[in-house]
Amino acid sequence: MFIDAPEVSAETPDLKSYDRILVAFSGGKDSLAVLLHLLESGVSPSSIELHHHDVDGDGPVFMDWAVTRAYCQAVADHFGIPIYFSCKLGGFEREMSRDGEATAPIKYEFPTEDGKAIAYAGGKGQPGTRLKFPQVTADLSTRWCSAYLKIDVMAALIRNQERFTGKRTLVVTGERAEESTARSRYLTMERHRTDLRDSAKKPRHVDHWRPIHGWSEGKVWDIIRRFGIVPHVAYQLGWSRLSCMACIFGSPNQWATILHVFRERFELIEAKEIEFGVTIRRSDTIRQAASKGQPYAAALENPALVALANSHEWDAPIAVSPEEWVLPAGAFGENAGPL
C-alpha cells in the first residue's frame, strides 16, 4: 500500500514523490523536450522509462517512418534510460482493414531481472468494421489512430502490470497548447485514465503531466540544442512535426514530398483509398492533394537523409556539441497536425 504525497502545484508536481516516471516517447521534438526537461530538472535517469508505441504494429511500414524505432532506441541508449516498445498487433493497417473482426490485442514489453519480456492484452472485444482511414477531425472516435494506436496502448500496458499496483506513477506527455485549439484546452496536470488511487483492493496512483503545455516551439528547439540531440530525420527533410510519415493531417507539400521521394509508400496508401472508396480527406484524394503542393527542397536535395528515413537502423550521430547543432529544415514550418 502506498501513502499519498502532499498536494503539489498543478503546474509542477513533486517529481521525487513518484516511484516511476513514464514518458510517452514518439521521438518527436516535443516528447524529446519532455525527456530533456525532466533530466534538466534533476530527475535521475533510473527513475524514467520511455514508452514508444509502434504505429505500424511490429509489421511492415505502412504509415510511419521506418527509422523511428531505431531513433528512439538511440536516444534511450545515449542517456542510459530503458525504453519499452508496445503496439496494437498489425498496427494501423490491420485496424483500418477490420471487416467483421475484433480489434487486435496489444503487445507490450515489460522489465524483468534479465532484461525484458513480452506480454499481450485485449483482443477479445466485439467484432467491428472500419474499411476506411481515420478521418481528419479533432474527434478521437473518428480520428481513431491516436486513440487506438497510442493512448489505449499506454493505458493497457499500465492496467496489465502488477508492478504499478500500490505505487505512484507519473505519465508524462508532450502536448503543447500552441499546436491546436483542442490541445490548448488540455489540463497541465490531471489523473491518468488508469488511475485507481481510491480502490480499496488494488490501489494504483497514476497522474498525467504535460510539462511543456505552455511552451513555444522556440523553447522546445532551444532545450534540444542545449543537449545537442540530433533531431529525427523527418525534421531534417522538412516536416515540421513528427507523427506518421503519411499523417492523415499531412499538407499538400507533405503528400507531394512523399510522392516524389517515397513513391512506393505513396502508392500503397493510394491503393487503400481506391480499395475502400473513401479518401483520407473527403475533399480530395492524396494524389489530388499532392498536385496542390511542392516537395520540400531538403528532401529533394538530400538522398542520404531519404535513405536514413527508409532504414530500420539509426546509423547517424545521435548527439553533437551545442555549437555544432543545426536547426533542422522543418523547424517553424507549416502546422500540419491535429486540430
C-alpha atoms as a PDB file:
ATOM      1  CA  MET A   1       0.000   0.000   0.000  1.00  0.00           C
ATOM      2  CA  PHE A   2       1.314   3.454  -0.865  1.00  0.00           C
ATOM      3  CA  ILE A   3       0.976   6.678   1.044  1.00  0.00           C
ATOM      4  CA  ASP A   4      -0.051   9.716  -0.967  1.00  0.00           C
ATOM      5  CA  ALA A   5       2.420  12.582  -1.102  1.00  0.00           C
ATOM      6  CA  PRO A   6       1.298  16.054  -0.038  1.00  0.00           C
ATOM      7  CA  GLU A   7      -0.653  18.114  -2.514  1.00  0.00           C
ATOM      8  CA  VAL A   8       1.607  19.901  -5.001  1.00  0.00           C
ATOM      9  CA  SER A   9       1.206  22.552  -7.650  1.00  0.00           C
ATOM     10  CA  ALA A  10      -0.910  21.569 -10.654  1.00  0.00           C
ATOM     11  CA  GLU A  11       1.831  23.039 -12.813  1.00  0.00           C
ATOM     12  CA  THR A  12       4.833  21.314 -11.231  1.00  0.00           C
ATOM     13  CA  PRO A  13       4.292  18.060  -9.333  1.00  0.00           C
ATOM     14  CA  ASP A  14       6.728  16.741  -6.733  1.00  0.00           C
ATOM     15  CA  LEU A  15       8.765  14.577  -9.102  1.00  0.00           C
ATOM     16  CA  LYS A  16      10.580  12.843  -6.237  1.00  0.00           C
ATOM     17  CA  SER A  17       7.283  11.512  -4.894  1.00  0.00           C
ATOM     18  CA  TYR A  18       6.813   9.069  -7.790  1.00  0.00           C
ATOM     19  CA  ASP A  19       8.118   5.520  -7.963  1.00  0.00           C
ATOM     20  CA  ARG A  20       8.275   5.658 -11.766  1.00  0.00           C
ATOM     21  CA  ILE A  21       8.005   8.318 -14.439  1.00  0.00           C
ATOM     22  CA  LEU A  22       6.751   7.030 -17.791  1.00  0.00           C
ATOM     23  CA  VAL A  23       7.444   9.214 -20.818  1.00  0.00           C
ATOM     24  CA  ALA A  24       5.301   8.615 -23.900  1.00  0.00           C
ATOM     25  CA  PHE A  25       8.159   8.904 -26.360  1.00  0.00           C
ATOM     26  CA  SER A  26       7.398   9.274 -30.060  1.00  0.00           C
ATOM     27  CA  GLY A  27      10.887  10.523 -30.928  1.00  0.00           C
ATOM     28  CA  GLY A  28       9.408  13.860 -31.956  1.00  0.00           C
ATOM     29  CA  LYS A  29      10.657  17.213 -30.754  1.00  0.00           C
ATOM     30  CA  ASP A  30       8.014  17.610 -28.047  1.00  0.00           C
ATOM     31  CA  SER A  31       8.446  14.216 -26.389  1.00  0.00           C
ATOM     32  CA  LEU A  32      12.211  14.743 -26.660  1.00  0.00           C
ATOM     33  CA  ALA A  33      11.853  18.135 -24.957  1.00  0.00           C
ATOM     34  CA  VAL A  34       9.812  16.479 -22.182  1.00  0.00           C
ATOM     35  CA  LEU A  35      12.608  13.977 -21.543  1.00  0.00           C
ATOM     36  CA  LEU A  36      15.284  16.672 -21.562  1.00  0.00           C
ATOM     37  CA  HIS A  37      13.201  18.863 -19.251  1.00  0.00           C
ATOM     38  CA  LEU A  38      12.959  16.001 -16.735  1.00  0.00           C
ATOM     39  CA  LEU A  39      16.718  15.485 -16.860  1.00  0.00           C
ATOM     40  CA  GLU A  40      17.390  19.210 -16.619  1.00  0.00           C
ATOM     41  CA  SER A  41      15.074  19.314 -13.596  1.00  0.00           C
ATOM     42  CA  GLY A  42      17.293  16.821 -11.807  1.00  0.00           C
ATOM     43  CA  VAL A  43      15.279  13.635 -12.297  1.00  0.00           C
ATOM     44  CA  SER A  44      17.539  10.596 -12.258  1.00  0.00           C
ATOM     45  CA  PRO A  45      17.559   8.528 -15.472  1.00  0.00           C
ATOM     46  CA  SER A  46      17.000   5.486 -13.227  1.00  0.00           C
ATOM     47  CA  SER A  47      13.519   6.840 -12.383  1.00  0.00           C
ATOM     48  CA  ILE A  48      12.473   7.264 -16.029  1.00  0.00           C
ATOM     49  CA  GLU A  49      11.069   4.798 -18.545  1.00  0.00           C
ATOM     50  CA  LEU A  50      10.499   5.651 -22.206  1.00  0.00           C
ATOM     51  CA  HIS A  51       7.500   4.026 -23.862  1.00  0.00           C
ATOM     52  CA  HIS A  52       7.239   4.066 -27.635  1.00  0.00           C
ATOM     53  CA  HIS A  53       4.050   2.923 -29.358  1.00  0.00           C
ATOM     54  CA  ASP A  54       4.804   1.385 -32.750  1.00  0.00           C
ATOM     55  CA  VAL A  55       2.077   2.727 -35.036  1.00  0.00           C
ATOM     56  CA  ASP A  56       2.614   0.044 -37.678  1.00  0.00           C
ATOM     57  CA  GLY A  57       2.399  -2.707 -35.088  1.00  0.00           C
ATOM     58  CA  ASP A  58       5.668  -4.592 -35.434  1.00  0.00           C
ATOM     59  CA  GLY A  59       4.838  -5.251 -39.074  1.00  0.00           C
ATOM     60  CA  PRO A  60       5.913  -3.778 -42.398  1.00  0.00           C
ATOM     61  CA  VAL A  61       5.954   0.009 -42.505  1.00  0.00           C
ATOM     62  CA  PHE A  62       2.774   1.496 -43.881  1.00  0.00           C
ATOM     63  CA  MET A  63       2.104   4.944 -42.423  1.00  0.00           C
ATOM     64  CA  ASP A  64       5.045   5.544 -40.069  1.00  0.00           C
ATOM     65  CA  TRP A  65       8.710   6.365 -40.545  1.00  0.00           C
ATOM     66  CA  ALA A  66      10.803   3.209 -40.884  1.00  0.00           C
ATOM     67  CA  VAL A  67      13.655   4.628 -38.805  1.00  0.00           C
ATOM     68  CA  THR A  68      11.626   5.926 -35.840  1.00  0.00           C
ATOM     69  CA  ARG A  69      12.029   2.880 -33.610  1.00  0.00           C
ATOM     70  CA  ALA A  70      15.807   2.864 -34.124  1.00  0.00           C
ATOM     71  CA  TYR A  71      15.980   6.606 -33.453  1.00  0.00           C
ATOM     72  CA  CYS A  72      14.095   6.216 -30.181  1.00  0.00           C
ATOM     73  CA  GLN A  73      16.392   3.385 -29.147  1.00  0.00           C
ATOM     74  CA  ALA A  74      19.435   5.542 -29.928  1.00  0.00           C
ATOM     75  CA  VAL A  75      18.131   8.359 -27.710  1.00  0.00           C
ATOM     76  CA  ALA A  76      17.422   5.908 -24.894  1.00  0.00           C
ATOM     77  CA  ASP A  77      20.900   4.375 -25.195  1.00  0.00           C
ATOM     78  CA  HIS A  78      22.521   7.813 -25.211  1.00  0.00           C
ATOM     79  CA  PHE A  79      21.014   8.670 -21.829  1.00  0.00           C
ATOM     80  CA  GLY A  80      21.123   5.157 -20.372  1.00  0.00           C
ATOM     81  CA  ILE A  81      17.336   5.070 -19.953  1.00  0.00           C
ATOM     82  CA  PRO A  82      15.281   1.911 -20.573  1.00  0.00           C
ATOM     83  CA  ILE A  83      12.808   2.007 -23.437  1.00  0.00           C
ATOM     84  CA  TYR A  84       9.858  -0.314 -23.860  1.00  0.00           C
ATOM     85  CA  PHE A  85       8.097  -0.825 -27.175  1.00  0.00           C
ATOM     86  CA  SER A  86       4.403  -1.546 -27.476  1.00  0.00           C
ATOM     87  CA  CYS A  87       1.785  -1.705 -30.188  1.00  0.00           C
ATOM     88  CA  LYS A  88      -1.577  -2.923 -31.331  1.00  0.00           C
ATOM     89  CA  LEU A  89      -0.743  -6.044 -33.319  1.00  0.00           C
ATOM     90  CA  GLY A  90      -0.963  -5.363 -37.031  1.00  0.00           C
ATOM     91  CA  GLY A  91      -0.916  -1.656 -36.309  1.00  0.00           C
ATOM     92  CA  PHE A  92      -2.594   0.980 -38.397  1.00  0.00           C
ATOM     93  CA  GLU A  93      -3.266  -1.172 -41.455  1.00  0.00           C
ATOM     94  CA  ARG A  94      -4.881  -4.076 -39.590  1.00  0.00           C
ATOM     95  CA  GLU A  95      -7.131  -1.791 -37.552  1.00  0.00           C
ATOM     96  CA  MET A  96      -8.114   0.170 -40.638  1.00  0.00           C
ATOM     97  CA  SER A  97      -8.898  -3.018 -42.580  1.00  0.00           C
ATOM     98  CA  ARG A  98     -11.112  -4.611 -39.916  1.00  0.00           C
ATOM     99  CA  ASP A  99     -14.147  -6.253 -41.541  1.00  0.00           C
ATOM    100  CA  GLY A 100     -16.342  -8.031 -39.022  1.00  0.00           C
ATOM    101  CA  GLU A 101     -13.378  -8.629 -36.718  1.00  0.00           C
ATOM    102  CA  ALA A 102     -12.480  -7.658 -33.161  1.00  0.00           C
ATOM    103  CA  THR A 103      -9.748  -5.096 -32.635  1.00  0.00           C
ATOM    104  CA  ALA A 104      -6.308  -6.704 -32.292  1.00  0.00           C
ATOM    105  CA  PRO A 105      -4.552  -7.451 -28.978  1.00  0.00           C
ATOM    106  CA  ILE A 106      -1.961  -5.065 -27.599  1.00  0.00           C
ATOM    107  CA  LYS A 107       1.625  -6.259 -27.315  1.00  0.00           C
ATOM    108  CA  TYR A 108       3.942  -4.654 -24.785  1.00  0.00           C
ATOM    109  CA  GLU A 109       7.381  -5.085 -23.272  1.00  0.00           C
ATOM    110  CA  PHE A 110       7.988  -5.051 -19.536  1.00  0.00           C
ATOM    111  CA  PRO A 111      11.106  -5.228 -17.371  1.00  0.00           C
ATOM    112  CA  THR A 112      12.428  -8.459 -15.859  1.00  0.00           C
ATOM    113  CA  GLU A 113      15.502  -9.286 -13.817  1.00  0.00           C
ATOM    114  CA  ASP A 114      17.218 -10.414 -17.009  1.00  0.00           C
ATOM    115  CA  GLY A 115      16.083  -7.532 -19.222  1.00  0.00           C
ATOM    116  CA  LYS A 116      12.700  -7.504 -20.958  1.00  0.00           C
ATOM    117  CA  ALA A 117       9.795  -9.827 -21.649  1.00  0.00           C
ATOM    118  CA  ILE A 118       6.698  -9.549 -23.837  1.00  0.00           C
ATOM    119  CA  ALA A 119       3.041  -9.804 -22.856  1.00  0.00           C
ATOM    120  CA  TYR A 120      -0.296  -9.353 -24.584  1.00  0.00           C
ATOM    121  CA  ALA A 121      -3.589  -7.800 -23.523  1.00  0.00           C
ATOM    122  CA  GLY A 122      -7.046  -7.376 -25.002  1.00  0.00           C
ATOM    123  CA  GLY A 123      -8.234  -8.513 -28.411  1.00  0.00           C
ATOM    124  CA  LYS A 124     -11.456 -10.068 -27.132  1.00  0.00           C
ATOM    125  CA  GLY A 125     -13.890  -7.288 -27.954  1.00  0.00           C
ATOM    126  CA  GLN A 126     -16.939  -7.330 -30.176  1.00  0.00           C
ATOM    127  CA  PRO A 127     -16.468  -7.671 -33.958  1.00  0.00           C
ATOM    128  CA  GLY A 128     -16.467  -4.433 -35.888  1.00  0.00           C
ATOM    129  CA  THR A 129     -15.808  -2.981 -39.316  1.00  0.00           C
ATOM    130  CA  ARG A 130     -13.831   0.096 -40.407  1.00  0.00           C
ATOM    131  CA  LEU A 131     -12.649  -0.226 -44.031  1.00  0.00           C
ATOM    132  CA  LYS A 132     -11.560   3.402 -44.156  1.00  0.00           C
ATOM    133  CA  PHE A 133      -8.790   5.645 -42.924  1.00  0.00           C
ATOM    134  CA  PRO A 134      -9.161   7.714 -39.754  1.00  0.00           C
ATOM    135  CA  GLN A 135     -10.827  10.955 -40.720  1.00  0.00           C
ATOM    136  CA  VAL A 136      -9.445  14.468 -40.342  1.00  0.00           C
ATOM    137  CA  THR A 137     -11.177  15.710 -37.198  1.00  0.00           C
ATOM    138  CA  ALA A 138     -10.468  16.507 -33.548  1.00  0.00           C
ATOM    139  CA  ASP A 139     -12.947  13.783 -32.525  1.00  0.00           C
ATOM    140  CA  LEU A 140     -10.823  10.797 -31.387  1.00  0.00           C
ATOM    141  CA  SER A 141     -13.665   8.348 -32.031  1.00  0.00           C
ATOM    142  CA  THR A 142     -13.470   9.236 -35.727  1.00  0.00           C
ATOM    143  CA  ARG A 143      -9.761  10.020 -35.790  1.00  0.00           C
ATOM    144  CA  TRP A 144      -9.211   6.664 -34.134  1.00  0.00           C
ATOM    145  CA  CYS A 145      -5.486   6.319 -34.926  1.00  0.00           C
ATOM    146  CA  SER A 146      -4.351   8.343 -31.890  1.00  0.00           C
ATOM    147  CA  ALA A 147      -6.764   6.605 -29.522  1.00  0.00           C
ATOM    148  CA  TYR A 148      -6.319   3.001 -30.669  1.00  0.00           C
ATOM    149  CA  LEU A 149      -2.621   3.029 -31.560  1.00  0.00           C
ATOM    150  CA  LYS A 150      -1.201   5.279 -28.833  1.00  0.00           C
ATOM    151  CA  ILE A 151      -3.469   6.367 -25.962  1.00  0.00           C
ATOM    152  CA  ASP A 152      -5.145   2.984 -25.445  1.00  0.00           C
ATOM    153  CA  VAL A 153      -1.831   1.165 -25.778  1.00  0.00           C
ATOM    154  CA  MET A 154      -0.256   3.107 -22.903  1.00  0.00           C
ATOM    155  CA  ALA A 155      -3.352   2.569 -20.784  1.00  0.00           C
ATOM    156  CA  ALA A 156      -3.386  -1.176 -21.444  1.00  0.00           C
ATOM    157  CA  LEU A 157       0.244  -1.716 -20.514  1.00  0.00           C
ATOM    158  CA  ILE A 158      -0.281   0.103 -17.198  1.00  0.00           C
ATOM    159  CA  ARG A 159      -3.520  -1.720 -16.346  1.00  0.00           C
ATOM    160  CA  ASN A 160      -1.998  -5.116 -17.064  1.00  0.00           C
ATOM    161  CA  GLN A 161       1.176  -4.842 -14.979  1.00  0.00           C
ATOM    162  CA  GLU A 162       1.059  -5.543 -11.259  1.00  0.00           C
ATOM    163  CA  ARG A 163       4.246  -3.517 -10.805  1.00  0.00           C
ATOM    164  CA  PHE A 164       2.127  -0.348 -10.885  1.00  0.00           C
ATOM    165  CA  THR A 165      -0.214  -1.534  -8.109  1.00  0.00           C
ATOM    166  CA  GLY A 166       0.405   0.171  -4.772  1.00  0.00           C
ATOM    167  CA  LYS A 167       2.802   2.608  -6.436  1.00  0.00           C
ATOM    168  CA  ARG A 168       2.824   6.233  -7.522  1.00  0.00           C
ATOM    169  CA  THR A 169       3.324   6.596 -11.265  1.00  0.00           C
ATOM    170  CA  LEU A 170       3.601   9.735 -13.381  1.00  0.00           C
ATOM    171  CA  VAL A 171       2.760   9.548 -17.086  1.00  0.00           C
ATOM    172  CA  VAL A 172       4.344  12.433 -18.983  1.00  0.00           C
ATOM    173  CA  THR A 173       3.335  13.534 -22.483  1.00  0.00           C
ATOM    174  CA  GLY A 174       4.365  16.383 -24.756  1.00  0.00           C
ATOM    175  CA  GLU A 175       1.185  18.073 -25.970  1.00  0.00           C
ATOM    176  CA  ARG A 176       1.525  21.847 -26.319  1.00  0.00           C
ATOM    177  CA  ALA A 177      -1.238  24.453 -26.347  1.00  0.00           C
ATOM    178  CA  GLU A 178       0.378  26.183 -29.331  1.00  0.00           C
ATOM    179  CA  GLU A 179      -0.264  23.138 -31.533  1.00  0.00           C
ATOM    180  CA  SER A 180      -4.046  23.336 -31.823  1.00  0.00           C
ATOM    181  CA  THR A 181      -7.232  24.708 -30.326  1.00  0.00           C
ATOM    182  CA  ALA A 182      -8.155  21.307 -28.915  1.00  0.00           C
ATOM    183  CA  ARG A 183      -4.771  20.839 -27.262  1.00  0.00           C
ATOM    184  CA  SER A 184      -4.868  24.329 -25.779  1.00  0.00           C
ATOM    185  CA  ARG A 185      -7.763  23.107 -23.612  1.00  0.00           C
ATOM    186  CA  TYR A 186      -5.838  20.177 -22.129  1.00  0.00           C
ATOM    187  CA  LEU A 187      -5.063  20.281 -18.429  1.00  0.00           C
ATOM    188  CA  THR A 188      -1.425  20.505 -17.430  1.00  0.00           C
ATOM    189  CA  MET A 189      -1.944  18.037 -14.562  1.00  0.00           C
ATOM    190  CA  GLU A 190      -4.750  15.524 -14.042  1.00  0.00           C
ATOM    191  CA  ARG A 191      -5.473  11.966 -13.026  1.00  0.00           C
ATOM    192  CA  HIS A 192      -4.465   9.499 -15.720  1.00  0.00           C
ATOM    193  CA  ARG A 193      -7.206   7.320 -17.187  1.00  0.00           C
ATOM    194  CA  THR A 194      -5.642   4.290 -15.478  1.00  0.00           C
ATOM    195  CA  ASP A 195      -5.698   5.861 -12.006  1.00  0.00           C
ATOM    196  CA  LEU A 196      -7.224   3.744  -9.225  1.00  0.00           C
ATOM    197  CA  ARG A 197      -5.971   5.609  -6.171  1.00  0.00           C
ATOM    198  CA  ASP A 198      -9.359   5.255  -4.480  1.00  0.00           C
ATOM    199  CA  SER A 199      -9.548   1.484  -4.882  1.00  0.00           C
ATOM    200  CA  ALA A 200      -9.600  -0.449  -1.604  1.00  0.00           C
ATOM    201  CA  LYS A 201      -8.363  -3.710  -3.147  1.00  0.00           C
ATOM    202  CA  LYS A 202      -5.748  -2.715  -5.721  1.00  0.00           C
ATOM    203  CA  PRO A 203      -4.886   0.965  -5.460  1.00  0.00           C
ATOM    204  CA  ARG A 204      -2.896   2.402  -8.338  1.00  0.00           C
ATOM    205  CA  HIS A 205      -1.966   6.092  -8.234  1.00  0.00           C
ATOM    206  CA  VAL A 206      -1.312   7.404 -11.747  1.00  0.00           C
ATOM    207  CA  ASP A 207      -1.028  11.108 -12.591  1.00  0.00           C
ATOM    208  CA  HIS A 208      -0.767  12.604 -16.083  1.00  0.00           C
ATOM    209  CA  TRP A 209       1.504  15.632 -16.529  1.00  0.00           C
ATOM    210  CA  ARG A 210       2.054  17.791 -19.610  1.00  0.00           C
ATOM    211  CA  PRO A 211       5.105  19.823 -18.528  1.00  0.00           C
ATOM    212  CA  ILE A 212       5.647  21.710 -21.791  1.00  0.00           C
ATOM    213  CA  HIS A 213       1.988  22.527 -22.439  1.00  0.00           C
ATOM    214  CA  GLY A 214       2.694  26.258 -22.322  1.00  0.00           C
ATOM    215  CA  TRP A 215       5.987  26.160 -24.239  1.00  0.00           C
ATOM    216  CA  SER A 216       6.576  27.802 -27.583  1.00  0.00           C
ATOM    217  CA  GLU A 217       8.227  25.865 -30.396  1.00  0.00           C
ATOM    218  CA  GLY A 218      11.300  28.063 -29.953  1.00  0.00           C
ATOM    219  CA  LYS A 219      11.662  26.930 -26.357  1.00  0.00           C
ATOM    220  CA  VAL A 220      11.421  23.301 -27.485  1.00  0.00           C
ATOM    221  CA  TRP A 221      14.217  23.656 -30.031  1.00  0.00           C
ATOM    222  CA  ASP A 222      16.315  25.577 -27.515  1.00  0.00           C
ATOM    223  CA  ILE A 223      16.428  22.745 -24.977  1.00  0.00           C
ATOM    224  CA  ILE A 224      17.206  20.237 -27.724  1.00  0.00           C
ATOM    225  CA  ARG A 225      20.088  22.457 -28.849  1.00  0.00           C
ATOM    226  CA  ARG A 226      21.425  22.750 -25.293  1.00  0.00           C
ATOM    227  CA  PHE A 227      21.643  18.967 -25.070  1.00  0.00           C
ATOM    228  CA  GLY A 228      22.945  18.669 -28.640  1.00  0.00           C
ATOM    229  CA  ILE A 229      20.477  15.923 -29.611  1.00  0.00           C
ATOM    230  CA  VAL A 230      20.198  15.434 -33.357  1.00  0.00           C
ATOM    231  CA  PRO A 231      16.507  15.728 -34.346  1.00  0.00           C
ATOM    232  CA  HIS A 232      14.639  12.902 -36.028  1.00  0.00           C
ATOM    233  CA  VAL A 233      15.316  12.776 -39.764  1.00  0.00           C
ATOM    234  CA  ALA A 234      11.722  13.838 -40.514  1.00  0.00           C
ATOM    235  CA  TYR A 235      12.545  17.367 -39.339  1.00  0.00           C
ATOM    236  CA  GLN A 236      15.737  17.355 -41.388  1.00  0.00           C
ATOM    237  CA  LEU A 237      13.700  16.501 -44.508  1.00  0.00           C
ATOM    238  CA  GLY A 238      11.312  19.422 -43.975  1.00  0.00           C
ATOM    239  CA  TRP A 239       8.485  18.032 -41.845  1.00  0.00           C
ATOM    240  CA  SER A 240       7.568  20.382 -39.001  1.00  0.00           C
ATOM    241  CA  ARG A 241       6.027  17.688 -36.807  1.00  0.00           C
ATOM    242  CA  LEU A 242       6.790  14.041 -36.186  1.00  0.00           C
ATOM    243  CA  SER A 243       3.787  11.781 -36.320  1.00  0.00           C
ATOM    244  CA  CYS A 244       3.393   9.265 -39.106  1.00  0.00           C
ATOM    245  CA  MET A 245       5.257   9.999 -42.329  1.00  0.00           C
ATOM    246  CA  ALA A 246       1.885   9.825 -44.058  1.00  0.00           C
ATOM    247  CA  CYS A 247      -0.144  11.505 -41.319  1.00  0.00           C
ATOM    248  CA  ILE A 248      -3.813  11.956 -42.186  1.00  0.00           C
ATOM    249  CA  PHE A 249      -3.297  15.666 -41.417  1.00  0.00           C
ATOM    250  CA  GLY A 250      -0.465  15.858 -43.952  1.00  0.00           C
ATOM    251  CA  SER A 251      -0.298  19.028 -46.017  1.00  0.00           C
ATOM    252  CA  PRO A 252      -0.239  19.130 -49.825  1.00  0.00           C
ATOM    253  CA  ASN A 253       3.515  19.792 -49.586  1.00  0.00           C
ATOM    254  CA  GLN A 254       3.994  16.666 -47.485  1.00  0.00           C
ATOM    255  CA  TRP A 255       1.971  14.496 -49.853  1.00  0.00           C
ATOM    256  CA  ALA A 256       3.925  15.959 -52.770  1.00  0.00           C
ATOM    257  CA  THR A 257       7.181  15.073 -50.990  1.00  0.00           C
ATOM    258  CA  ILE A 258       6.026  11.519 -50.291  1.00  0.00           C
ATOM    259  CA  LEU A 259       5.003  11.132 -53.934  1.00  0.00           C
ATOM    260  CA  HIS A 260       8.402  12.320 -55.182  1.00  0.00           C
ATOM    261  CA  VAL A 261      10.826  10.681 -52.743  1.00  0.00           C
ATOM    262  CA  PHE A 262       8.807   7.917 -51.042  1.00  0.00           C
ATOM    263  CA  ARG A 263       6.764   6.873 -54.074  1.00  0.00           C
ATOM    264  CA  GLU A 264       6.308   3.229 -53.067  1.00  0.00           C
ATOM    265  CA  ARG A 265       4.740   4.294 -49.775  1.00  0.00           C
ATOM    266  CA  PHE A 266       2.513   6.808 -51.550  1.00  0.00           C
ATOM    267  CA  GLU A 267       1.213   4.117 -53.890  1.00  0.00           C
ATOM    268  CA  LEU A 268       0.471   1.698 -51.026  1.00  0.00           C
ATOM    269  CA  ILE A 269      -1.707   4.305 -49.334  1.00  0.00           C
ATOM    270  CA  GLU A 270      -3.312   5.395 -52.585  1.00  0.00           C
ATOM    271  CA  ALA A 271      -4.262   1.776 -53.289  1.00  0.00           C
ATOM    272  CA  LYS A 272      -6.134   1.631 -49.972  1.00  0.00           C
ATOM    273  CA  GLU A 273      -8.072   4.797 -50.795  1.00  0.00           C
ATOM    274  CA  ILE A 274      -9.130   3.171 -54.056  1.00  0.00           C
ATOM    275  CA  GLU A 275      -9.990  -0.136 -52.362  1.00  0.00           C
ATOM    276  CA  PHE A 276     -12.146   1.492 -49.680  1.00  0.00           C
ATOM    277  CA  GLY A 277     -13.737   4.053 -51.946  1.00  0.00           C
ATOM    278  CA  VAL A 278     -13.246   6.550 -49.074  1.00  0.00           C
ATOM    279  CA  THR A 279     -10.394   9.033 -49.175  1.00  0.00           C
ATOM    280  CA  ILE A 280      -8.437  10.309 -46.166  1.00  0.00           C
ATOM    281  CA  ARG A 281      -9.627  13.838 -46.880  1.00  0.00           C
ATOM    282  CA  ARG A 282     -13.193  13.831 -48.094  1.00  0.00           C
ATOM    283  CA  SER A 283     -12.447  16.772 -50.396  1.00  0.00           C
ATOM    284  CA  ASP A 284      -9.777  15.042 -52.493  1.00  0.00           C
ATOM    285  CA  THR A 285      -7.519  12.022 -52.894  1.00  0.00           C
ATOM    286  CA  ILE A 286      -3.917  12.072 -51.698  1.00  0.00           C
ATOM    287  CA  ARG A 287      -2.817  12.384 -55.345  1.00  0.00           C
ATOM    288  CA  GLN A 288      -5.032  15.420 -55.799  1.00  0.00           C
ATOM    289  CA  ALA A 289      -3.630  16.844 -52.555  1.00  0.00           C
ATOM    290  CA  ALA A 290      -0.065  16.216 -53.766  1.00  0.00           C
ATOM    291  CA  SER A 291      -0.795  18.080 -57.008  1.00  0.00           C
ATOM    292  CA  LYS A 292      -1.516  21.205 -54.975  1.00  0.00           C
ATOM    293  CA  GLY A 293       1.818  21.149 -53.141  1.00  0.00           C
ATOM    294  CA  GLN A 294       5.558  21.377 -53.712  1.00  0.00           C
ATOM    295  CA  PRO A 295       8.059  18.794 -52.419  1.00  0.00           C
ATOM    296  CA  TYR A 296      10.301  20.004 -49.624  1.00  0.00           C
ATOM    297  CA  ALA A 297      13.642  21.120 -51.029  1.00  0.00           C
ATOM    298  CA  ALA A 298      15.504  19.466 -48.157  1.00  0.00           C
ATOM    299  CA  ALA A 299      14.085  16.078 -49.183  1.00  0.00           C
ATOM    300  CA  LEU A 300      14.903  16.535 -52.860  1.00  0.00           C
ATOM    301  CA  GLU A 301      18.439  17.685 -52.116  1.00  0.00           C
ATOM    302  CA  ASN A 302      19.453  15.067 -49.531  1.00  0.00           C
ATOM    303  CA  PRO A 303      19.187  11.488 -50.823  1.00  0.00           C
ATOM    304  CA  ALA A 304      21.276  10.261 -47.875  1.00  0.00           C
ATOM    305  CA  LEU A 305      18.636  11.572 -45.467  1.00  0.00           C
ATOM    306  CA  VAL A 306      15.897   9.904 -47.508  1.00  0.00           C
ATOM    307  CA  ALA A 307      17.826   6.633 -47.273  1.00  0.00           C
ATOM    308  CA  LEU A 308      18.140   7.081 -43.498  1.00  0.00           C
ATOM    309  CA  ALA A 309      14.392   7.698 -43.221  1.00  0.00           C
ATOM    310  CA  ASN A 310      13.753   4.431 -45.087  1.00  0.00           C
ATOM    311  CA  SER A 311      16.175   2.461 -42.914  1.00  0.00           C
ATOM    312  CA  HIS A 312      15.477   0.395 -39.808  1.00  0.00           C
ATOM    313  CA  GLU A 313      18.865   1.423 -38.391  1.00  0.00           C
ATOM    314  CA  TRP A 314      19.907   4.809 -36.990  1.00  0.00           C
ATOM    315  CA  ASP A 315      23.496   4.934 -38.252  1.00  0.00           C
ATOM    316  CA  ALA A 316      23.965   8.690 -37.813  1.00  0.00           C
ATOM    317  CA  PRO A 317      25.214  10.572 -34.733  1.00  0.00           C
ATOM    318  CA  ILE A 318      22.545  10.978 -32.057  1.00  0.00           C
ATOM    319  CA  ALA A 319      24.293  13.874 -30.305  1.00  0.00           C
ATOM    320  CA  VAL A 320      26.698  16.663 -31.176  1.00  0.00           C
ATOM    321  CA  SER A 321      28.005  19.655 -29.283  1.00  0.00           C
ATOM    322  CA  PRO A 322      25.588  22.577 -28.923  1.00  0.00           C
ATOM    323  CA  GLU A 323      27.952  24.601 -31.120  1.00  0.00           C
ATOM    324  CA  GLU A 324      27.689  22.026 -33.936  1.00  0.00           C
ATOM    325  CA  TRP A 325      23.939  21.542 -33.580  1.00  0.00           C
ATOM    326  CA  VAL A 326      21.903  22.749 -36.574  1.00  0.00           C
ATOM    327  CA  LEU A 327      18.252  23.778 -36.577  1.00  0.00           C
ATOM    328  CA  PRO A 328      16.514  21.358 -38.968  1.00  0.00           C
ATOM    329  CA  ALA A 329      14.847  22.464 -42.180  1.00  0.00           C
ATOM    330  CA  GLY A 330      11.366  21.705 -40.857  1.00  0.00           C
ATOM    331  CA  ALA A 331      11.630  23.868 -37.740  1.00  0.00           C
ATOM    332  CA  PHE A 332       8.927  26.551 -37.518  1.00  0.00           C
ATOM    333  CA  GLY A 333       7.357  25.125 -40.670  1.00  0.00           C
ATOM    334  CA  GLU A 334       3.732  24.557 -41.666  1.00  0.00           C
ATOM    335  CA  ASN A 335       1.497  23.356 -38.865  1.00  0.00           C
ATOM    336  CA  ALA A 336       0.174  20.164 -40.460  1.00  0.00           C
ATOM    337  CA  GLY A 337      -1.143  18.339 -37.425  1.00  0.00           C
ATOM    338  CA  PRO A 338      -4.152  17.581 -35.197  1.00  0.00           C
ATOM    339  CA  LEU A 339      -6.867  20.171 -34.926  1.00  0.00           C
END
